[in-house]
Each structure stands twice: as structure tokens, then as C-alpha cells.
Amino acid sequence: MASDEGTVRVDSWIWSVRLTKTRSAAATACRGGHVRVNGERAKAAQAVRPGDEVRLQHAGRERVVVVSRLVRKRVGAAIAA
């Protein structure tokens, strides 16, 4: 799905916007059921699009983020915020 202009993998996006330290940690969170996209449990390869709501249970708290733009490569903290 990464070749499609309008989507990116959820595990890659979570890592790119610095919600997890590594992409493997993002994939593990998906496998463990700690990631939801628009209220549904997400697998690591699930595609996200602008406007999707991503919920991540991590480090004892829930982070709720709305995808405003697709990021394929890891970005700096200022841009991720």
C-alpha cells in the first residue's frame, strides 16, 4: 500500500510522527491490540489516510492523534507536533 499516494502503513506512520521510538515497537503495539484506527483494531499493515483518528495505548496512557498529513519518513519533533 505504500506505493499508493493516498495511504501509508499505520505502524510506519506511528513511528514517523514519534509516537513510538522504533517501528518494531509500533508493529508490536499493533499486534498487541494497542492501536485503533477510527475505533477499529489495526494491524500493522493497515493503511491510514488524512482525517483518520489513530489511538495508541502506550506507557500507561492513551494518545489520540488525527492524521493531518501522511509522513513516510521519520521527521523532527517540531514537525511531528
N, C-alpha and C. Protein backbone atom coordinates (compact mmCIF):
# COMPACT_ATOMS: atom_id res chain seq x y z
N MET A 1 0.81 -1.20 0.00
CA MET A 1 0.00 0.00 0.00
C MET A 1 0.85 1.26 0.00
N ALA A 2 2.11 1.15 0.35
CA ALA A 2 2.97 2.32 0.41
C ALA A 2 3.14 2.98 -0.95
N SER A 3 2.97 2.21 -2.03
CA SER A 3 3.11 2.78 -3.36
C SER A 3 1.93 3.69 -3.71
N ASP A 4 0.79 3.49 -3.06
CA ASP A 4 -0.38 4.32 -3.27
C ASP A 4 -0.13 5.69 -2.65
N GLU A 5 -0.39 6.77 -3.42
CA GLU A 5 -0.11 8.12 -2.94
C GLU A 5 -0.93 8.50 -1.71
N GLY A 6 -2.17 7.99 -1.60
CA GLY A 6 -3.07 8.46 -0.57
C GLY A 6 -3.04 7.72 0.75
N THR A 7 -2.15 6.73 0.92
CA THR A 7 -2.12 5.97 2.16
C THR A 7 -0.69 5.67 2.59
N VAL A 8 -0.55 5.29 3.85
CA VAL A 8 0.73 4.83 4.40
C VAL A 8 0.40 3.83 5.51
N ARG A 9 1.29 2.87 5.77
CA ARG A 9 1.07 1.87 6.80
C ARG A 9 0.97 2.53 8.18
N VAL A 10 0.07 2.03 9.01
CA VAL A 10 -0.14 2.63 10.33
C VAL A 10 1.08 2.49 11.22
N ASP A 11 1.79 1.34 11.18
CA ASP A 11 2.97 1.20 12.03
C ASP A 11 4.07 2.17 11.62
N SER A 12 4.24 2.36 10.32
CA SER A 12 5.23 3.30 9.82
C SER A 12 4.86 4.73 10.19
N TRP A 13 3.58 5.08 10.10
CA TRP A 13 3.14 6.43 10.42
C TRP A 13 3.33 6.74 11.91
N ILE A 14 2.97 5.77 12.77
CA ILE A 14 3.13 5.96 14.22
C ILE A 14 4.59 6.23 14.57
N TRP A 15 5.50 5.48 13.94
CA TRP A 15 6.93 5.68 14.18
C TRP A 15 7.40 7.02 13.60
N SER A 16 6.91 7.36 12.41
CA SER A 16 7.35 8.59 11.73
C SER A 16 7.00 9.85 12.51
N VAL A 17 5.85 9.84 13.18
CA VAL A 17 5.44 11.03 13.94
C VAL A 17 5.86 10.94 15.41
N ARG A 18 6.75 10.01 15.70
CA ARG A 18 7.40 9.89 17.01
C ARG A 18 6.48 9.53 18.16
N LEU A 19 5.46 8.70 17.89
CA LEU A 19 4.64 8.20 18.99
C LEU A 19 5.31 6.99 19.64
N THR A 20 6.17 6.28 18.89
CA THR A 20 6.99 5.19 19.43
C THR A 20 8.44 5.42 19.03
N LYS A 21 9.36 4.81 19.78
CA LYS A 21 10.79 5.00 19.49
C LYS A 21 11.26 4.24 18.27
N THR A 22 10.67 3.06 18.01
CA THR A 22 11.08 2.25 16.87
C THR A 22 9.86 1.79 16.08
N ARG A 23 10.10 1.44 14.82
CA ARG A 23 9.00 0.92 14.01
C ARG A 23 8.58 -0.45 14.52
N SER A 24 9.53 -1.23 15.00
CA SER A 24 9.17 -2.55 15.53
C SER A 24 8.30 -2.41 16.77
N ALA A 25 8.52 -1.38 17.58
CA ALA A 25 7.66 -1.15 18.74
C ALA A 25 6.25 -0.78 18.29
N ALA A 26 6.15 -0.03 17.19
CA ALA A 26 4.84 0.32 16.65
C ALA A 26 4.12 -0.93 16.13
N ALA A 27 4.86 -1.81 15.45
CA ALA A 27 4.27 -3.05 14.94
C ALA A 27 3.84 -3.95 16.08
N THR A 28 4.65 -4.02 17.14
CA THR A 28 4.30 -4.81 18.32
C THR A 28 3.04 -4.28 18.98
N ALA A 29 2.90 -2.97 19.06
CA ALA A 29 1.70 -2.36 19.64
C ALA A 29 0.47 -2.73 18.81
N CYS A 30 0.62 -2.76 17.49
CA CYS A 30 -0.49 -3.16 16.62
C CYS A 30 -0.87 -4.62 16.87
N ARG A 31 0.13 -5.49 16.93
CA ARG A 31 -0.13 -6.92 17.17
C ARG A 31 -0.78 -7.15 18.52
N GLY A 32 -0.42 -6.34 19.52
CA GLY A 32 -0.96 -6.49 20.86
C GLY A 32 -2.34 -5.87 21.04
N GLY A 33 -2.87 -5.24 20.00
CA GLY A 33 -4.20 -4.64 20.09
C GLY A 33 -4.22 -3.28 20.73
N HIS A 34 -3.08 -2.61 20.78
CA HIS A 34 -2.99 -1.30 21.43
C HIS A 34 -3.19 -0.13 20.47
N VAL A 35 -3.43 -0.43 19.19
CA VAL A 35 -3.63 0.62 18.19
C VAL A 35 -5.01 0.47 17.58
N ARG A 36 -5.74 1.58 17.51
CA ARG A 36 -7.05 1.59 16.87
C ARG A 36 -7.07 2.72 15.85
N VAL A 37 -7.64 2.43 14.69
CA VAL A 37 -7.82 3.44 13.65
C VAL A 37 -9.32 3.59 13.44
N ASN A 38 -9.82 4.78 13.69
CA ASN A 38 -11.27 5.06 13.58
C ASN A 38 -12.09 4.08 14.41
N GLY A 39 -11.60 3.73 15.60
CA GLY A 39 -12.33 2.87 16.52
C GLY A 39 -12.14 1.38 16.31
N GLU A 40 -11.49 0.96 15.24
CA GLU A 40 -11.28 -0.46 14.95
C GLU A 40 -9.85 -0.86 15.24
N ARG A 41 -9.67 -2.08 15.78
CA ARG A 41 -8.30 -2.59 15.98
C ARG A 41 -7.54 -2.59 14.68
N ALA A 42 -6.28 -2.17 14.72
CA ALA A 42 -5.50 -2.04 13.50
C ALA A 42 -4.37 -3.05 13.46
N LYS A 43 -4.17 -3.65 12.29
CA LYS A 43 -2.99 -4.46 12.05
C LYS A 43 -1.89 -3.52 11.57
N ALA A 44 -0.64 -3.97 11.66
CA ALA A 44 0.50 -3.12 11.32
C ALA A 44 0.45 -2.61 9.88
N ALA A 45 -0.05 -3.43 8.97
CA ALA A 45 -0.05 -3.05 7.55
C ALA A 45 -1.29 -2.26 7.14
N GLN A 46 -2.18 -1.97 8.08
CA GLN A 46 -3.39 -1.22 7.72
C GLN A 46 -3.02 0.17 7.24
N ALA A 47 -3.71 0.63 6.23
CA ALA A 47 -3.44 1.94 5.65
C ALA A 47 -4.16 3.04 6.44
N VAL A 48 -3.50 4.18 6.57
CA VAL A 48 -4.14 5.36 7.16
C VAL A 48 -4.15 6.46 6.11
N ARG A 49 -5.15 7.31 6.22
CA ARG A 49 -5.34 8.43 5.29
C ARG A 49 -5.53 9.70 6.10
N PRO A 50 -5.33 10.86 5.50
CA PRO A 50 -5.63 12.11 6.22
C PRO A 50 -7.08 12.11 6.70
N GLY A 51 -7.27 12.53 7.95
CA GLY A 51 -8.59 12.55 8.55
C GLY A 51 -8.87 11.38 9.46
N ASP A 52 -8.07 10.30 9.36
CA ASP A 52 -8.25 9.14 10.24
C ASP A 52 -7.82 9.48 11.66
N GLU A 53 -8.52 8.87 12.63
CA GLU A 53 -8.17 9.03 14.04
C GLU A 53 -7.39 7.79 14.49
N VAL A 54 -6.19 8.00 15.02
CA VAL A 54 -5.34 6.90 15.50
C VAL A 54 -5.25 6.99 17.01
N ARG A 55 -5.60 5.90 17.70
CA ARG A 55 -5.49 5.82 19.16
C ARG A 55 -4.42 4.82 19.51
N LEU A 56 -3.47 5.21 20.36
CA LEU A 56 -2.36 4.36 20.75
C LEU A 56 -2.28 4.28 22.26
N GLN A 57 -2.41 3.06 22.81
CA GLN A 57 -2.20 2.82 24.24
C GLN A 57 -0.71 2.58 24.42
N HIS A 58 -0.02 3.48 25.12
CA HIS A 58 1.43 3.36 25.25
C HIS A 58 1.87 3.99 26.56
N ALA A 59 2.72 3.30 27.28
CA ALA A 59 3.29 3.80 28.54
C ALA A 59 2.21 4.22 29.54
N GLY A 60 1.13 3.43 29.62
CA GLY A 60 0.10 3.68 30.61
C GLY A 60 -0.88 4.78 30.29
N ARG A 61 -0.82 5.31 29.09
CA ARG A 61 -1.80 6.34 28.72
C ARG A 61 -2.22 6.15 27.27
N GLU A 62 -3.33 6.78 26.91
CA GLU A 62 -3.84 6.68 25.55
C GLU A 62 -3.55 7.98 24.81
N ARG A 63 -2.92 7.86 23.65
CA ARG A 63 -2.66 9.03 22.82
C ARG A 63 -3.66 8.99 21.66
N VAL A 64 -4.36 10.08 21.44
CA VAL A 64 -5.32 10.18 20.35
C VAL A 64 -4.80 11.23 19.38
N VAL A 65 -4.57 10.80 18.12
CA VAL A 65 -3.99 11.68 17.11
C VAL A 65 -4.82 11.58 15.85
N VAL A 66 -5.09 12.71 15.23
CA VAL A 66 -5.79 12.73 13.94
C VAL A 66 -4.74 12.95 12.86
N VAL A 67 -4.78 12.11 11.84
CA VAL A 67 -3.81 12.20 10.74
C VAL A 67 -4.13 13.44 9.93
N SER A 68 -3.23 14.42 9.96
CA SER A 68 -3.45 15.63 9.17
C SER A 68 -2.70 15.56 7.85
N ARG A 69 -1.57 14.82 7.86
CA ARG A 69 -0.88 14.61 6.60
C ARG A 69 -0.07 13.32 6.69
N LEU A 70 0.19 12.73 5.55
CA LEU A 70 0.92 11.47 5.51
C LEU A 70 2.42 11.72 5.60
N VAL A 71 3.07 10.95 6.47
CA VAL A 71 4.50 11.07 6.66
C VAL A 71 5.08 9.68 6.46
N ARG A 72 6.02 9.55 5.52
CA ARG A 72 6.60 8.24 5.23
C ARG A 72 7.96 8.05 5.88
N LYS A 73 8.67 9.13 6.15
CA LYS A 73 9.98 9.05 6.78
C LYS A 73 9.93 9.76 8.12
N ARG A 74 10.74 9.34 9.06
CA ARG A 74 10.75 9.92 10.41
C ARG A 74 11.10 11.41 10.31
N VAL A 75 10.35 12.21 11.04
CA VAL A 75 10.54 13.66 10.99
C VAL A 75 10.98 14.18 12.36
N GLY A 76 11.45 15.39 12.39
CA GLY A 76 11.87 16.02 13.64
C GLY A 76 10.69 16.25 14.57
N ALA A 77 10.99 16.42 15.84
CA ALA A 77 9.95 16.58 16.85
C ALA A 77 9.08 17.82 16.59
N ALA A 78 9.67 18.90 16.13
CA ALA A 78 8.89 20.13 15.87
C ALA A 78 7.87 19.91 14.76
N ILE A 79 8.25 19.18 13.72
CA ILE A 79 7.33 18.92 12.62
C ILE A 79 6.25 17.92 13.05
N ALA A 80 6.65 16.92 13.83
CA ALA A 80 5.69 15.90 14.28
C ALA A 80 4.61 16.50 15.16
N ALA A 81 4.96 17.49 15.96
CA ALA A 81 3.97 18.10 16.85
C ALA A 81 2.94 18.83 16.03
